[in-house]
PDB file of all heavy atoms in Angstrom:
ATOM      1  N   LEU A   1     114.006  86.122 171.009  1.00  0.00           N
ATOM      2  CA  LEU A   1     113.843  86.204 169.560  1.00  0.00           C
ATOM      3  C   LEU A   1     112.476  85.636 169.157  1.00  0.00           C
ATOM      4  O   LEU A   1     112.137  84.506 169.507  1.00  0.00           O
ATOM      5  CB  LEU A   1     114.957  85.428 168.854  1.00  0.00           C
ATOM      6  CG  LEU A   1     114.964  85.481 167.332  1.00  0.00           C
ATOM      7  CD1 LEU A   1     115.141  86.912 166.852  1.00  0.00           C
ATOM      8  CD2 LEU A   1     116.074  84.608 166.780  1.00  0.00           C
ATOM      9  N   GLY A   2     111.661  86.419 168.472  1.00  0.00           N
ATOM     10  CA  GLY A   2     110.352  85.996 167.998  1.00  0.00           C
ATOM     11  C   GLY A   2     109.256  86.014 169.045  1.00  0.00           C
ATOM     12  O   GLY A   2     108.155  85.550 168.781  1.00  0.00           O
ATOM     13  N   SER A   3     109.517  86.546 170.218  1.00  0.00           N
ATOM     14  CA  SER A   3     108.522  86.548 171.288  1.00  0.00           C
ATOM     15  C   SER A   3     107.970  87.954 171.515  1.00  0.00           C
ATOM     16  O   SER A   3     108.668  88.949 171.328  1.00  0.00           O
ATOM     17  CB  SER A   3     109.158  86.043 172.581  1.00  0.00           C
ATOM     18  OG  SER A   3     108.241  86.130 173.649  1.00  0.00           O
ATOM     19  N   THR A   4     106.715  88.004 171.942  1.00  0.00           N
ATOM     20  CA  THR A   4     106.123  89.290 172.323  1.00  0.00           C
ATOM     21  C   THR A   4     106.005  89.405 173.841  1.00  0.00           C
ATOM     22  O   THR A   4     105.589  90.436 174.339  1.00  0.00           O
ATOM     23  CB  THR A   4     104.717  89.454 171.698  1.00  0.00           C
ATOM     24  OG1 THR A   4     103.900  88.368 172.116  1.00  0.00           O
ATOM     25  CG2 THR A   4     104.791  89.506 170.184  1.00  0.00           C
ATOM     26  N   ASN A   5     106.376  88.359 174.535  1.00  0.00           N
ATOM     27  CA  ASN A   5     106.357  88.366 176.001  1.00  0.00           C
ATOM     28  C   ASN A   5     107.727  88.796 176.502  1.00  0.00           C
ATOM     29  O   ASN A   5     108.752  88.406 175.952  1.00  0.00           O
ATOM     30  CB  ASN A   5     106.014  86.977 176.549  1.00  0.00           C
ATOM     31  CG  ASN A   5     104.637  86.528 176.114  1.00  0.00           C
ATOM     32  OD1 ASN A   5     103.733  87.342 175.984  1.00  0.00           O
ATOM     33  ND2 ASN A   5     104.488  85.245 175.863  1.00  0.00           N
ATOM     34  N   SER A   6     107.732  89.576 177.562  1.00  0.00           N
ATOM     35  CA  SER A   6     109.003  90.082 178.077  1.00  0.00           C
ATOM     36  C   SER A   6     109.250  89.596 179.495  1.00  0.00           C
ATOM     37  O   SER A   6     108.340  89.212 180.212  1.00  0.00           O
ATOM     38  CB  SER A   6     109.010  91.609 178.052  1.00  0.00           C
ATOM     39  OG  SER A   6     108.057  92.119 178.955  1.00  0.00           O
ATOM     40  N   VAL A   7     110.542  89.664 179.858  1.00  0.00           N
ATOM     41  CA  VAL A   7     110.988  89.350 181.214  1.00  0.00           C
ATOM     42  C   VAL A   7     111.724  90.590 181.718  1.00  0.00           C
ATOM     43  O   VAL A   7     112.557  91.159 181.007  1.00  0.00           O
ATOM     44  CB  VAL A   7     111.926  88.122 181.214  1.00  0.00           C
ATOM     45  CG1 VAL A   7     112.468  87.855 182.605  1.00  0.00           C
ATOM     46  CG2 VAL A   7     111.219  86.910 180.659  1.00  0.00           C
ATOM     47  N   ALA A   8     111.412  91.011 182.936  1.00  0.00           N
ATOM     48  CA  ALA A   8     112.045  92.213 183.498  1.00  0.00           C
ATOM     49  C   ALA A   8     113.525  91.943 183.784  1.00  0.00           C
ATOM     50  O   ALA A   8     113.894  90.888 184.290  1.00  0.00           O
ATOM     51  CB  ALA A   8     111.333  92.642 184.768  1.00  0.00           C
ATOM     52  N   VAL A   9     114.365  92.912 183.432  1.00  0.00           N
ATOM     53  CA  VAL A   9     115.807  92.852 183.734  1.00  0.00           C
ATOM     54  C   VAL A   9     116.240  94.206 184.255  1.00  0.00           C
ATOM     55  O   VAL A   9     115.629  95.225 183.956  1.00  0.00           O
ATOM     56  CB  VAL A   9     116.651  92.471 182.496  1.00  0.00           C
ATOM     57  CG1 VAL A   9     116.330  91.066 182.015  1.00  0.00           C
ATOM     58  CG2 VAL A   9     116.462  93.458 181.367  1.00  0.00           C
ATOM     59  N   SER A  10     117.305  94.217 185.038  1.00  0.00           N
ATOM     60  CA  SER A  10     117.829  95.486 185.543  1.00  0.00           C
ATOM     61  C   SER A  10     119.202  95.804 184.981  1.00  0.00           C
ATOM     62  O   SER A  10     119.644  96.949 185.052  1.00  0.00           O
ATOM     63  CB  SER A  10     117.884  95.481 187.065  1.00  0.00           C
ATOM     64  OG  SER A  10     118.713  94.431 187.511  1.00  0.00           O
ATOM     65  N   ALA A  11     119.876  94.795 184.417  1.00  0.00           N
ATOM     66  CA  ALA A  11     121.202  95.025 183.830  1.00  0.00           C
ATOM     67  C   ALA A  11     121.514  93.910 182.850  1.00  0.00           C
ATOM     68  O   ALA A  11     121.073  92.771 183.023  1.00  0.00           O
ATOM     69  CB  ALA A  11     122.260  95.083 184.913  1.00  0.00           C
ATOM     70  N   VAL A  12     122.258  94.238 181.809  1.00  0.00           N
ATOM     71  CA  VAL A  12     122.781  93.238 180.876  1.00  0.00           C
ATOM     72  C   VAL A  12     124.260  93.536 180.658  1.00  0.00           C
ATOM     73  O   VAL A  12     124.670  94.693 180.631  1.00  0.00           O
ATOM     74  CB  VAL A  12     122.015  93.237 179.533  1.00  0.00           C
ATOM     75  CG1 VAL A  12     120.595  92.779 179.701  1.00  0.00           C
ATOM     76  CG2 VAL A  12     122.052  94.584 178.861  1.00  0.00           C
ATOM     77  N   PRO A  13     125.092  92.497 180.525  1.00  0.00           N
ATOM     78  CA  PRO A  13     126.517  92.728 180.305  1.00  0.00           C
ATOM     79  C   PRO A  13     126.778  93.293 178.910  1.00  0.00           C
ATOM     80  O   PRO A  13     126.169  92.864 177.934  1.00  0.00           O
ATOM     81  CB  PRO A  13     127.143  91.346 180.472  1.00  0.00           C
ATOM     82  CG  PRO A  13     126.030  90.375 180.423  1.00  0.00           C
ATOM     83  CD  PRO A  13     124.762  91.103 180.680  1.00  0.00           C
ATOM     84  N   LEU A  14     127.674  94.256 178.841  1.00  0.00           N
ATOM     85  CA  LEU A  14     128.000  94.902 177.569  1.00  0.00           C
ATOM     86  C   LEU A  14     128.626  93.930 176.580  1.00  0.00           C
ATOM     87  O   LEU A  14     128.459  94.108 175.372  1.00  0.00           O
ATOM     88  CB  LEU A  14     128.963  96.075 177.806  1.00  0.00           C
ATOM     89  CG  LEU A  14     128.341  97.465 177.866  1.00  0.00           C
ATOM     90  CD1 LEU A  14     129.390  98.506 178.177  1.00  0.00           C
ATOM     91  CD2 LEU A  14     127.594  97.822 176.622  1.00  0.00           C
ATOM     92  N   ASP A  15     129.324  92.906 177.049  1.00  0.00           N
ATOM     93  CA  ASP A  15     129.978  91.983 176.120  1.00  0.00           C
ATOM     94  C   ASP A  15     128.981  91.072 175.400  1.00  0.00           C
ATOM     95  O   ASP A  15     129.329  90.404 174.437  1.00  0.00           O
ATOM     96  CB  ASP A  15     131.059  91.159 176.817  1.00  0.00           C
ATOM     97  CG  ASP A  15     130.540  90.322 177.968  1.00  0.00           C
ATOM     98  OD1 ASP A  15     129.326  90.366 178.236  1.00  0.00           O
ATOM     99  OD2 ASP A  15     131.361  89.636 178.602  1.00  0.00           O
ATOM    100  N   SER A  16     127.711  91.068 175.817  1.00  0.00           N
ATOM    101  CA  SER A  16     126.692  90.294 175.104  1.00  0.00           C
ATOM    102  C   SER A  16     125.777  91.188 174.258  1.00  0.00           C
ATOM    103  O   SER A  16     124.789  90.716 173.698  1.00  0.00           O
ATOM    104  CB  SER A  16     125.863  89.472 176.091  1.00  0.00           C
ATOM    105  OG  SER A  16     125.177  90.306 176.984  1.00  0.00           O
ATOM    106  N   VAL A  17     126.131  92.466 174.147  1.00  0.00           N
ATOM    107  CA  VAL A  17     125.355  93.431 173.360  1.00  0.00           C
ATOM    108  C   VAL A  17     126.036  93.663 172.018  1.00  0.00           C
ATOM    109  O   VAL A  17     127.223  93.973 171.961  1.00  0.00           O
ATOM    110  CB  VAL A  17     125.210  94.776 174.118  1.00  0.00           C
ATOM    111  CG1 VAL A  17     124.504  95.807 173.243  1.00  0.00           C
ATOM    112  CG2 VAL A  17     124.478  94.581 175.425  1.00  0.00           C
ATOM    113  N   VAL A  18     125.276  93.474 170.931  1.00  0.00           N
ATOM    114  CA  VAL A  18     125.805  93.708 169.584  1.00  0.00           C
ATOM    115  C   VAL A  18     125.783  95.204 169.273  1.00  0.00           C
ATOM    116  O   VAL A  18     126.741  95.759 168.748  1.00  0.00           O
ATOM    117  CB  VAL A  18     124.977  92.947 168.532  1.00  0.00           C
ATOM    118  CG1 VAL A  18     125.443  93.273 167.128  1.00  0.00           C
ATOM    119  CG2 VAL A  18     125.024  91.464 168.776  1.00  0.00           C
ATOM    120  N   GLY A  19     124.682  95.857 169.590  1.00  0.00           N
ATOM    121  CA  GLY A  19     124.545  97.281 169.325  1.00  0.00           C
ATOM    122  C   GLY A  19     123.396  97.862 170.126  1.00  0.00           C
ATOM    123  O   GLY A  19     122.510  97.139 170.579  1.00  0.00           O
ATOM    124  N   MET A  20     123.441  99.173 170.298  1.00  0.00           N
ATOM    125  CA  MET A  20     122.385  99.872 171.045  1.00  0.00           C
ATOM    126  C   MET A  20     121.994 101.136 170.295  1.00  0.00           C
ATOM    127  O   MET A  20     122.830 101.750 169.625  1.00  0.00           O
ATOM    128  CB  MET A  20     122.878 100.259 172.440  1.00  0.00           C
ATOM    129  CG  MET A  20     123.123  99.107 173.363  1.00  0.00           C
ATOM    130  SD  MET A  20     123.684  99.658 174.979  1.00  0.00           S
ATOM    131  CE  MET A  20     125.326 100.259 174.603  1.00  0.00           C
ATOM    132  N   GLU A  21     120.732 101.489 170.460  1.00  0.00           N
ATOM    133  CA  GLU A  21     120.241 102.716 169.844  1.00  0.00           C
ATOM    134  C   GLU A  21     119.270 103.402 170.787  1.00  0.00           C
ATOM    135  O   GLU A  21     118.607 102.750 171.590  1.00  0.00           O
ATOM    136  CB  GLU A  21     119.571 102.398 168.499  1.00  0.00           C
ATOM    137  CG  GLU A  21     118.499 101.352 168.590  1.00  0.00           C
ATOM    138  CD  GLU A  21     118.243 100.635 167.269  1.00  0.00           C
ATOM    139  OE1 GLU A  21     119.020 100.789 166.329  1.00  0.00           O
ATOM    140  OE2 GLU A  21     117.233  99.932 167.201  1.00  0.00           O
ATOM    141  N   SER A  22     119.239 104.719 170.696  1.00  0.00           N
ATOM    142  CA  SER A  22     118.298 105.496 171.510  1.00  0.00           C
ATOM    143  C   SER A  22     117.325 106.210 170.582  1.00  0.00           C
ATOM    144  O   SER A  22     117.639 106.478 169.420  1.00  0.00           O
ATOM    145  CB  SER A  22     119.028 106.504 172.390  1.00  0.00           C
ATOM    146  OG  SER A  22     119.622 107.503 171.589  1.00  0.00           O
ATOM    147  N   TYR A  23     116.153 106.486 171.125  1.00  0.00           N
ATOM    148  CA  TYR A  23     115.078 107.087 170.348  1.00  0.00           C
ATOM    149  C   TYR A  23     114.645 108.397 170.980  1.00  0.00           C
ATOM    150  O   TYR A  23     114.414 108.458 172.168  1.00  0.00           O
ATOM    151  CB  TYR A  23     113.869 106.144 170.298  1.00  0.00           C
ATOM    152  CG  TYR A  23     114.178 104.817 169.660  1.00  0.00           C
ATOM    153  CD1 TYR A  23     114.693 103.761 170.403  1.00  0.00           C
ATOM    154  CD2 TYR A  23     113.967 104.624 168.311  1.00  0.00           C
ATOM    155  CE1 TYR A  23     114.988 102.547 169.812  1.00  0.00           C
ATOM    156  CE2 TYR A  23     114.255 103.415 167.714  1.00  0.00           C
ATOM    157  CZ  TYR A  23     114.764 102.378 168.463  1.00  0.00           C
ATOM    158  OH  TYR A  23     115.053 101.193 167.883  1.00  0.00           O
ATOM    159  N   GLN A  24     114.540 109.434 170.154  1.00  0.00           N
ATOM    160  CA  GLN A  24     114.019 110.712 170.607  1.00  0.00           C
ATOM    161  C   GLN A  24     112.895 111.128 169.665  1.00  0.00           C
ATOM    162  O   GLN A  24     113.027 110.989 168.456  1.00  0.00           O
ATOM    163  CB  GLN A  24     115.084 111.822 170.611  1.00  0.00           C
ATOM    164  CG  GLN A  24     116.214 111.625 171.584  1.00  0.00           C
ATOM    165  CD  GLN A  24     117.325 110.759 171.028  1.00  0.00           C
ATOM    166  OE1 GLN A  24     117.540 110.715 169.834  1.00  0.00           O
ATOM    167  NE2 GLN A  24     118.031 110.065 171.901  1.00  0.00           N
ATOM    168  N   ILE A  25     111.825 111.626 170.233  1.00  0.00           N
ATOM    169  CA  ILE A  25     110.718 112.149 169.433  1.00  0.00           C
ATOM    170  C   ILE A  25     110.650 113.648 169.665  1.00  0.00           C
ATOM    171  O   ILE A  25     110.573 114.108 170.803  1.00  0.00           O
ATOM    172  CB  ILE A  25     109.383 111.481 169.829  1.00  0.00           C
ATOM    173  CG1 ILE A  25     109.446 109.982 169.540  1.00  0.00           C
ATOM    174  CG2 ILE A  25     108.227 112.129 169.081  1.00  0.00           C
ATOM    175  CD1 ILE A  25     108.237 109.210 170.005  1.00  0.00           C
ATOM    176  N   SER A  26     110.697 114.389 168.566  1.00  0.00           N
ATOM    177  CA  SER A  26     110.619 115.844 168.669  1.00  0.00           C
ATOM    178  C   SER A  26     109.456 116.345 167.816  1.00  0.00           C
ATOM    179  O   SER A  26     109.038 115.702 166.868  1.00  0.00           O
ATOM    180  CB  SER A  26     111.934 116.487 168.219  1.00  0.00           C
ATOM    181  OG  SER A  26     112.221 116.116 166.879  1.00  0.00           O
ATOM    182  N   VAL A  27     108.946 117.507 168.176  1.00  0.00           N
ATOM    183  CA  VAL A  27     107.845 118.124 167.434  1.00  0.00           C
ATOM    184  C   VAL A  27     108.447 119.032 166.368  1.00  0.00           C
ATOM    185  O   VAL A  27     109.313 119.857 166.657  1.00  0.00           O
ATOM    186  CB  VAL A  27     106.928 118.936 168.382  1.00  0.00           C
ATOM    187  CG1 VAL A  27     105.870 119.698 167.600  1.00  0.00           C
ATOM    188  CG2 VAL A  27     106.287 118.013 169.398  1.00  0.00           C
ATOM    189  N   GLU A  28     107.986 118.869 165.135  1.00  0.00           N
ATOM    190  CA  GLU A  28     108.422 119.746 164.051  1.00  0.00           C
ATOM    191  C   GLU A  28     107.556 120.998 164.098  1.00  0.00           C
ATOM    192  O   GLU A  28     106.404 120.998 163.670  1.00  0.00           O
ATOM    193  CB  GLU A  28     108.312 119.034 162.717  1.00  0.00           C
ATOM    194  CG  GLU A  28     109.285 117.881 162.589  1.00  0.00           C
ATOM    195  CD  GLU A  28     109.302 117.294 161.196  1.00  0.00           C
ATOM    196  OE1 GLU A  28     108.750 117.922 160.260  1.00  0.00           O
ATOM    197  OE2 GLU A  28     109.889 116.222 161.053  1.00  0.00           O
ATOM    198  N   LYS A  29     108.135 122.070 164.641  1.00  0.00           N
ATOM    199  CA  LYS A  29     107.355 123.280 164.933  1.00  0.00           C
ATOM    200  C   LYS A  29     106.829 123.973 163.684  1.00  0.00           C
ATOM    201  O   LYS A  29     105.683 124.401 163.653  1.00  0.00           O
ATOM    202  CB  LYS A  29     108.199 124.244 165.761  1.00  0.00           C
ATOM    203  CG  LYS A  29     108.501 123.703 167.137  1.00  0.00           C
ATOM    204  CD  LYS A  29     109.417 124.614 167.919  1.00  0.00           C
ATOM    205  CE  LYS A  29     109.750 123.967 169.253  1.00  0.00           C
ATOM    206  NZ  LYS A  29     110.804 124.646 169.945  1.00  0.00           N
ATOM    207  N   ALA A  30     107.638 124.082 162.645  1.00  0.00           N
ATOM    208  CA  ALA A  30     107.204 124.795 161.440  1.00  0.00           C
ATOM    209  C   ALA A  30     106.045 124.066 160.758  1.00  0.00           C
ATOM    210  O   ALA A  30     105.029 124.683 160.415  1.00  0.00           O
ATOM    211  CB  ALA A  30     108.370 124.952 160.471  1.00  0.00           C
ATOM    212  N   ALA A  31     106.175 122.764 160.570  1.00  0.00           N
ATOM    213  CA  ALA A  31     105.105 121.989 159.925  1.00  0.00           C
ATOM    214  C   ALA A  31     103.838 121.990 160.771  1.00  0.00           C
ATOM    215  O   ALA A  31     102.726 122.095 160.245  1.00  0.00           O
ATOM    216  CB  ALA A  31     105.574 120.561 159.671  1.00  0.00           C
ATOM    217  N   THR A  32     103.999 121.880 162.089  1.00  0.00           N
ATOM    218  CA  THR A  32     102.845 121.882 162.986  1.00  0.00           C
ATOM    219  C   THR A  32     102.116 123.223 162.924  1.00  0.00           C
ATOM    220  O   THR A  32     100.892 123.268 162.818  1.00  0.00           O
ATOM    221  CB  THR A  32     103.295 121.586 164.426  1.00  0.00           C
ATOM    222  OG1 THR A  32     103.849 120.273 164.465  1.00  0.00           O
ATOM    223  CG2 THR A  32     102.145 121.674 165.404  1.00  0.00           C
ATOM    224  N   THR A  33     102.857 124.317 162.971  1.00  0.00           N
ATOM    225  CA  THR A  33     102.260 125.656 162.906  1.00  0.00           C
ATOM    226  C   THR A  33     101.551 125.875 161.579  1.00  0.00           C
ATOM    227  O   THR A  33     100.422 126.368 161.540  1.00  0.00           O
ATOM    228  CB  THR A  33     103.342 126.732 163.122  1.00  0.00           C
ATOM    229  OG1 THR A  33     103.977 126.504 164.375  1.00  0.00           O
ATOM    230  CG2 THR A  33     102.750 128.124 163.090  1.00  0.00           C
TER     231      THR A  33
END
């Protein structure tokens, strides 16, 4: 909390997770064209 430095992890227990979100970036073809 409040840090910009990270520590590498390979797994975290689900019972210590409040919520998760995924991010997708897509190209808006009509606006781009």
